[in-house]
Amino acid sequence: MIRFRRNAFTLIELLVVIAIIAILIGLLLPAVQKVREAASRMKCQNNMKQLALAVHNFESANQLLPAYSSLTGSNAGNFSIQARLLPFVEQENLRNLLTFDVSLTVGCCPGDVRPQFVVPAKTVLSLFRCPSDASQDTFTSRSGTSGGATGQDFVYAGTNYHVNIGTGVGTLYDARLPTDGIAWTNSRVRITDIIDGTSNTAAFGESLLGVQTQAPPAPTTDAERKRVMMNITCSWISPTIPPAVAGLNGGYVLPVDPAGYYSMSLASSLNRGWSGQRGAGWISGREYWTAYQHYLPPNSNIPDMQTCGNGVLGSRSNHTGGVNLALCDGSVRFVRDSITLTTWRAYGSRNGGEIITEE
């Protein structure tokens, strides 16, 4: 009797092998994703550490921390702290394209980018981007039509890293006047003014980029709420620059509880839609592009708010369970979403006298 050697799998054997491979891939993919996210989080922390150390080098050179934008006849802001730190993060050539004694834009809001600043405004810097946020690097923003602005589209390179302008409680969200953070408009803060201690005070936090459109629809999911802001009617334009009184002319004072702020804002006649421009331009000293507060807890599902560029601006990330925080001593730590709001706000103030006992 002649026996033939079998040189192939049966169909059942083949299906079993495919099933085993699928199971192995299913087990392997989460591990690969976890390793990839760990690497991204580490890269993000390194970026933020460079920014925190740049602040120290700036202070050494100027005997002051960098001020948040500057006002010379306009409430719309000027160049950002990020722009002023360029020489201290090995971007001297890009810094040489900027002239800080001339405003970034003309008119509002935002204004037309001056021709000499169009190229630097759209220059993407990996230092300003968290690798865990896969959003596009650039935004197209249409200028206003007042004060000389002509309603054109301008391209800006975005940023995930924002400077700490305080707790935001009460009227401290209005950084045109002094806040309890490390910077506000035309601030002159020194290291010695951080009396809570540099290891207990935030310098930079991270946030997710907006949704790449100026007027997105109302959010319907938590993911959307983290990337859009409520647009509040610009009712706080002041006849004096800076204004004599912080906050909206109508007396907009933030309650201690963020849920109260959200319900108040949604019900208010001031609410006029939504904005997707969070983090839209690292070069600009508009709060909702380059600043944040500690009013909302990390990764809050309560949307931010902006009016005339200022507002309530939180810290968020795609890192699992928390956000990176760069402190004024140059260190970076991962802060979990479970942190108490009291402790989180303590990191936001430079002079609150709080004792931080948990992270």
Protein backbone atom coordinates (compact mmCIF):
# COMPACT_ATOMS: atom_id res chain seq x y z
CA MET A 1 0.00 0.00 0.00
CA ILE A 2 1.46 3.32 -1.09
CA ARG A 3 1.32 6.21 1.39
CA PHE A 4 1.57 9.82 0.21
CA ARG A 5 3.32 12.47 2.37
CA ARG A 6 1.07 15.42 3.17
CA ASN A 7 2.74 18.79 2.43
CA ALA A 8 -0.03 21.22 3.44
CA PHE A 9 -2.26 22.18 6.33
CA THR A 10 -5.81 21.14 6.40
CA LEU A 11 -8.37 23.95 6.40
CA ILE A 12 -9.11 23.37 10.08
CA GLU A 13 -5.41 23.53 10.99
CA LEU A 14 -5.02 26.74 9.00
CA LEU A 15 -7.97 28.36 10.76
CA VAL A 16 -6.55 27.35 14.15
CA VAL A 17 -3.17 28.92 13.29
CA ILE A 18 -4.86 32.14 12.11
CA ALA A 19 -6.90 32.26 15.31
CA ILE A 20 -3.77 31.82 17.45
CA ILE A 21 -1.96 34.58 15.54
CA ALA A 22 -4.95 36.89 15.96
CA ILE A 23 -5.00 36.24 19.71
CA LEU A 24 -1.26 36.94 19.96
CA ILE A 25 -1.63 40.19 18.02
CA GLY A 26 -4.55 41.17 20.22
CA LEU A 27 -2.38 40.63 23.28
CA LEU A 28 0.62 42.40 21.77
CA LEU A 29 -1.03 45.57 20.45
CA PRO A 30 -2.01 47.03 23.84
CA ALA A 31 1.55 46.46 25.06
CA VAL A 32 2.96 48.21 21.98
CA GLN A 33 0.53 51.10 22.42
CA LYS A 34 1.44 51.38 26.08
CA VAL A 35 5.15 51.54 25.27
CA ARG A 36 4.50 54.10 22.53
CA GLU A 37 2.47 56.32 24.88
CA ALA A 38 5.16 56.05 27.55
CA ALA A 39 7.71 57.27 25.01
CA SER A 40 5.40 60.11 23.94
CA ARG A 41 4.83 61.15 27.53
CA MET A 42 8.56 61.19 28.16
CA LYS A 43 9.14 63.31 25.04
CA CYS A 44 6.40 65.68 26.21
CA GLN A 45 8.05 65.98 29.62
CA ASN A 46 11.38 66.73 27.97
CA ASN A 47 9.80 69.50 25.89
CA MET A 48 8.26 71.06 28.97
CA LYS A 49 11.50 70.81 30.92
CA GLN A 50 13.28 72.75 28.18
CA LEU A 51 10.66 75.49 28.43
CA ALA A 52 10.90 75.65 32.22
CA LEU A 53 14.69 75.89 32.08
CA ALA A 54 14.38 78.56 29.37
CA VAL A 55 12.35 80.64 31.82
CA HIS A 56 15.23 80.38 34.31
CA ASN A 57 17.75 81.43 31.68
CA PHE A 58 15.50 84.34 30.67
CA GLU A 59 15.30 85.43 34.31
CA SER A 60 19.06 85.22 34.67
CA ALA A 61 19.53 87.43 31.62
CA ASN A 62 16.78 89.94 32.43
CA GLN A 63 16.34 89.72 36.24
CA LEU A 64 12.62 89.16 35.56
CA LEU A 65 10.41 86.33 34.37
CA PRO A 66 8.96 86.94 30.90
CA ALA A 67 5.72 88.94 30.91
CA TYR A 68 2.57 87.60 29.33
CA SER A 69 2.25 89.55 26.06
CA SER A 70 2.26 93.33 26.23
CA LEU A 71 -0.33 96.03 25.73
CA THR A 72 0.61 99.14 23.80
CA GLY A 73 -2.74 100.59 22.87
CA SER A 74 -4.61 97.33 22.32
CA ASN A 75 -6.48 94.80 24.45
CA ALA A 76 -5.74 92.10 21.86
CA GLY A 77 -2.27 91.20 23.11
CA ASN A 78 1.04 90.95 21.32
CA PHE A 79 3.87 88.43 21.26
CA SER A 80 3.69 85.43 23.62
CA ILE A 81 6.08 84.25 26.30
CA GLN A 82 6.84 81.31 24.03
CA ALA A 83 8.07 83.75 21.38
CA ARG A 84 10.23 85.58 23.91
CA LEU A 85 11.85 82.31 25.01
CA LEU A 86 13.08 81.42 21.52
CA PRO A 87 16.73 82.48 22.13
CA PHE A 88 16.82 80.20 25.18
CA VAL A 89 15.60 77.07 23.34
CA GLU A 90 18.16 77.21 20.50
CA GLN A 91 15.88 79.13 18.14
CA GLU A 92 17.93 82.31 17.78
CA ASN A 93 17.46 82.39 13.99
CA LEU A 94 13.69 82.37 14.38
CA ARG A 95 13.91 85.01 17.10
CA ASN A 96 15.84 87.24 14.70
CA LEU A 97 12.76 87.35 12.44
CA LEU A 98 10.73 88.99 15.23
CA THR A 99 10.71 92.60 16.40
CA PHE A 100 9.11 92.95 19.81
CA ASP A 101 8.80 96.73 19.65
CA VAL A 102 6.33 96.32 16.76
CA SER A 103 2.97 94.61 17.31
CA LEU A 104 2.46 91.13 15.86
CA THR A 105 -0.84 92.08 14.25
CA VAL A 106 -2.77 95.08 12.99
CA GLY A 107 -6.38 95.55 14.15
CA CYS A 108 -8.46 92.81 15.73
CA CYS A 109 -9.72 90.32 16.53
CA PRO A 110 -7.36 88.69 15.96
CA GLY A 111 -5.76 91.19 13.62
CA ASP A 112 -3.94 90.83 10.33
CA VAL A 113 -0.45 89.38 10.83
CA ARG A 114 2.14 91.94 9.76
CA PRO A 115 3.89 90.81 6.54
CA GLN A 116 7.29 90.41 8.20
CA PHE A 117 5.83 87.98 10.75
CA VAL A 118 3.80 85.74 8.41
CA VAL A 119 6.59 83.15 8.02
CA PRO A 120 7.54 82.82 11.72
CA ALA A 121 3.86 82.70 12.71
CA LYS A 122 3.35 79.51 10.68
CA THR A 123 6.69 77.90 11.57
CA VAL A 124 6.05 74.57 13.31
CA LEU A 125 8.33 73.78 16.26
CA SER A 126 8.30 70.23 17.62
CA LEU A 127 9.34 71.67 20.98
CA PHE A 128 5.87 73.22 21.29
CA ARG A 129 3.95 70.06 20.36
CA CYS A 130 3.00 67.08 22.52
CA PRO A 131 3.50 63.87 20.48
CA SER A 132 0.44 62.31 22.13
CA ASP A 133 -1.79 64.92 20.45
CA ALA A 134 -2.07 63.88 16.81
CA SER A 135 -3.92 67.02 15.71
CA GLN A 136 -2.69 69.03 12.74
CA ASP A 137 0.23 71.34 13.47
CA THR A 138 -1.23 74.48 11.92
CA PHE A 139 -4.44 76.48 12.16
CA THR A 140 -6.06 78.83 9.69
CA SER A 141 -7.48 81.81 11.53
CA ARG A 142 -9.50 84.59 9.93
CA SER A 143 -8.77 88.08 11.17
CA GLY A 144 -11.43 90.58 12.17
CA THR A 145 -12.41 93.72 10.34
CA SER A 146 -11.83 96.45 12.89
CA GLY A 147 -8.87 98.64 13.72
CA GLY A 148 -7.28 98.07 10.33
CA ALA A 149 -7.77 94.31 10.09
CA THR A 150 -9.11 93.17 6.71
CA GLY A 151 -10.76 89.79 7.33
CA GLN A 152 -8.05 87.63 5.76
CA ASP A 153 -7.03 84.06 6.53
CA PHE A 154 -3.66 83.62 8.24
CA VAL A 155 -1.83 80.41 9.10
CA TYR A 156 -0.46 79.90 12.60
CA ALA A 157 1.54 77.01 14.07
CA GLY A 158 -0.10 75.66 17.21
CA THR A 159 1.20 74.74 20.64
CA ASN A 160 0.24 72.31 23.41
CA TYR A 161 2.27 74.10 26.06
CA HIS A 162 0.82 77.08 27.91
CA VAL A 163 2.10 79.43 30.57
CA ASN A 164 0.47 79.48 34.01
CA ILE A 165 -1.48 82.70 34.60
CA GLY A 166 -2.97 81.66 37.94
CA THR A 167 -5.96 80.01 39.54
CA GLY A 168 -8.58 81.95 37.57
CA VAL A 169 -10.91 82.18 40.58
CA GLY A 170 -13.09 85.28 40.90
CA THR A 171 -11.81 87.79 38.34
CA LEU A 172 -8.27 86.39 38.23
CA TYR A 173 -9.06 84.87 34.82
CA ASP A 174 -8.49 88.35 33.36
CA ALA A 175 -4.72 88.53 32.86
CA ARG A 176 -4.80 92.11 31.63
CA LEU A 177 -4.38 92.94 35.34
CA PRO A 178 -2.23 91.13 37.96
CA THR A 179 -3.20 87.53 38.72
CA ASP A 180 -1.85 85.00 41.23
CA GLY A 181 0.09 83.14 38.52
CA ILE A 182 3.65 83.72 37.32
CA ALA A 183 2.68 86.03 34.45
CA TRP A 184 0.09 88.51 33.25
CA THR A 185 0.10 91.39 30.80
CA ASN A 186 3.21 93.51 31.34
CA SER A 187 4.03 91.59 34.55
CA ARG A 188 7.38 92.02 36.28
CA VAL A 189 7.59 88.86 38.40
CA ARG A 190 10.92 87.74 39.83
CA ILE A 191 11.89 84.33 41.13
CA THR A 192 11.88 85.80 44.63
CA ASP A 193 8.22 86.74 44.15
CA ILE A 194 7.29 83.03 44.01
CA ILE A 195 6.92 82.83 47.76
CA ASP A 196 5.08 79.49 47.69
CA GLY A 197 8.32 77.96 46.40
CA THR A 198 9.43 77.17 42.86
CA SER A 199 8.86 73.45 43.42
CA ASN A 200 5.22 74.15 44.37
CA THR A 201 4.34 76.57 41.57
CA ALA A 202 3.56 75.72 37.95
CA ALA A 203 5.34 77.41 35.04
CA PHE A 204 3.78 75.55 32.10
CA GLY A 205 0.89 73.14 31.65
CA GLU A 206 -0.24 71.26 28.60
CA SER A 207 -3.55 71.32 26.79
CA LEU A 208 -5.11 69.76 23.72
CA LEU A 209 -5.23 71.67 20.47
CA GLY A 210 -8.60 72.92 19.26
CA VAL A 211 -10.67 71.41 16.49
CA GLN A 212 -9.09 73.34 13.58
CA THR A 213 -12.11 75.49 12.90
CA GLN A 214 -13.12 78.91 14.19
CA ALA A 215 -16.80 78.14 14.72
CA PRO A 216 -17.47 74.45 15.47
CA PRO A 217 -20.95 73.25 16.48
CA ALA A 218 -21.89 72.77 20.11
CA PRO A 219 -20.03 69.76 21.60
CA THR A 220 -21.96 66.55 22.14
CA THR A 221 -19.21 64.31 23.59
CA ASP A 222 -16.59 64.65 26.32
CA ALA A 223 -13.83 64.53 23.69
CA GLU A 224 -15.37 67.50 21.89
CA ARG A 225 -15.86 69.45 25.13
CA LYS A 226 -12.12 69.17 25.79
CA ARG A 227 -11.26 70.81 22.47
CA VAL A 228 -13.77 73.63 22.12
CA MET A 229 -14.47 76.83 24.06
CA MET A 230 -17.62 78.78 24.68
CA ASN A 231 -17.52 82.12 22.91
CA ILE A 232 -18.70 84.84 25.27
CA THR A 233 -19.80 88.20 23.92
CA CYS A 234 -17.01 90.74 24.10
CA SER A 235 -18.65 92.95 26.69
CA TRP A 236 -15.50 93.71 28.66
CA ILE A 237 -13.82 96.14 26.28
CA SER A 238 -12.47 98.85 28.55
CA PRO A 239 -11.94 102.55 27.79
CA THR A 240 -8.60 102.29 29.62
CA ILE A 241 -5.67 100.04 28.74
CA PRO A 242 -5.12 98.16 30.92
CA PRO A 243 -8.65 98.26 32.33
CA ALA A 244 -9.32 99.88 35.68
CA VAL A 245 -11.26 96.81 36.90
CA ALA A 246 -10.62 93.15 36.10
CA GLY A 247 -13.28 90.97 34.49
CA LEU A 248 -16.35 91.48 32.38
CA ASN A 249 -18.07 94.84 32.61
CA GLY A 250 -21.23 92.96 33.60
CA GLY A 251 -19.55 91.64 36.75
CA TYR A 252 -18.60 88.15 35.53
CA VAL A 253 -17.08 86.55 38.64
CA LEU A 254 -16.15 82.87 38.58
CA PRO A 255 -17.61 80.80 41.43
CA VAL A 256 -15.38 78.43 43.38
CA ASP A 257 -17.19 75.42 41.89
CA PRO A 258 -16.45 74.96 38.15
CA ALA A 259 -19.87 73.35 37.63
CA GLY A 260 -21.41 76.62 38.72
CA TYR A 261 -19.35 78.49 36.16
CA TYR A 262 -20.46 76.16 33.39
CA SER A 263 -24.17 76.39 34.14
CA MET A 264 -23.89 80.16 34.57
CA SER A 265 -22.15 80.53 31.22
CA LEU A 266 -24.52 78.27 29.28
CA ALA A 267 -27.56 80.06 30.66
CA SER A 268 -26.09 83.50 30.17
CA SER A 269 -27.14 85.79 27.36
CA LEU A 270 -23.41 86.33 26.89
CA ASN A 271 -23.00 82.86 25.35
CA ARG A 272 -22.74 83.28 21.58
CA GLY A 273 -21.49 79.96 20.26
CA TRP A 274 -18.28 77.96 20.18
CA SER A 275 -14.63 78.39 19.21
CA GLY A 276 -12.11 75.79 18.08
CA GLN A 277 -8.99 77.94 18.33
CA ARG A 278 -7.42 76.62 21.55
CA GLY A 279 -3.62 76.68 21.20
CA ALA A 280 -3.86 77.97 17.62
CA GLY A 281 -0.67 80.04 17.59
CA TRP A 282 2.47 79.75 19.75
CA ILE A 283 3.61 83.19 18.61
CA SER A 284 0.62 85.16 19.90
CA GLY A 285 0.03 86.55 23.39
CA ARG A 286 -3.70 85.86 23.28
CA GLU A 287 -4.64 83.88 26.38
CA TYR A 288 -6.62 81.15 24.66
CA TRP A 289 -3.68 80.45 22.35
CA THR A 290 -0.77 80.31 24.81
CA ALA A 291 -1.95 80.44 28.44
CA TYR A 292 -3.91 78.37 30.96
CA GLN A 293 -5.22 78.51 34.53
CA HIS A 294 -5.81 76.08 37.37
CA TYR A 295 -9.51 76.89 37.71
CA LEU A 296 -10.72 73.67 36.07
CA PRO A 297 -9.26 70.32 37.21
CA PRO A 298 -6.95 68.42 34.84
CA ASN A 299 -8.72 66.91 31.82
CA SER A 300 -12.01 68.51 32.80
CA ASN A 301 -15.00 67.78 30.57
CA ILE A 302 -16.27 71.29 31.25
CA PRO A 303 -15.41 73.41 28.19
CA ASP A 304 -13.17 76.44 28.35
CA MET A 305 -14.52 79.94 27.79
CA GLN A 306 -13.03 82.85 25.89
CA THR A 307 -14.07 86.41 25.31
CA CYS A 308 -11.90 88.81 23.36
CA GLY A 309 -9.03 86.32 23.75
CA ASN A 310 -9.22 86.02 27.54
CA GLY A 311 -11.20 83.54 29.61
CA VAL A 312 -11.27 80.21 31.45
CA LEU A 313 -8.62 77.91 30.02
CA GLY A 314 -7.87 74.44 31.37
CA SER A 315 -5.08 71.88 31.15
CA ARG A 316 -5.75 68.66 29.22
CA SER A 317 -3.83 65.90 27.46
CA ASN A 318 -4.12 62.56 25.71
CA HIS A 319 -1.89 60.94 28.33
CA THR A 320 -3.70 58.25 30.26
CA GLY A 321 -4.96 59.51 33.58
CA GLY A 322 -3.39 62.95 33.86
CA VAL A 323 -1.32 65.84 32.51
CA ASN A 324 2.31 66.91 32.59
CA LEU A 325 3.16 69.98 34.63
CA ALA A 326 6.43 71.95 34.42
CA LEU A 327 7.28 73.64 37.72
CA CYS A 328 9.21 76.83 38.30
CA ASP A 329 12.22 74.91 39.66
CA GLY A 330 12.70 73.33 36.22
CA SER A 331 11.28 69.92 37.13
CA VAL A 332 8.35 68.20 35.38
CA ARG A 333 5.86 65.92 37.06
CA PHE A 334 2.86 63.93 35.93
CA VAL A 335 -0.26 65.11 37.75
CA ARG A 336 -3.13 62.65 37.89
CA ASP A 337 -6.75 63.54 37.18
CA SER A 338 -7.60 62.41 40.72
CA ILE A 339 -5.75 65.35 42.29
CA THR A 340 -7.99 67.46 44.53
CA LEU A 341 -9.04 70.79 43.08
CA THR A 342 -7.57 72.54 46.13
CA THR A 343 -4.14 71.06 45.51
CA TRP A 344 -4.35 71.67 41.77
CA ARG A 345 -5.13 75.34 42.36
CA ALA A 346 -2.29 75.54 44.88
CA TYR A 347 0.10 74.71 42.02
CA GLY A 348 -1.41 77.59 40.07
CA SER A 349 -0.71 80.33 42.62
CA ARG A 350 2.73 81.76 43.35
CA ASN A 351 1.80 83.41 46.64
CA GLY A 352 -1.25 81.68 48.12
CA GLY A 353 0.51 80.31 51.17
CA GLU A 354 -0.87 76.80 50.55
CA ILE A 355 0.82 73.65 51.79
CA ILE A 356 0.83 70.98 49.08
CA THR A 357 0.49 67.56 50.69
CA GLU A 358 -0.63 65.44 47.74
CA GLU A 359 -0.16 65.17 43.99
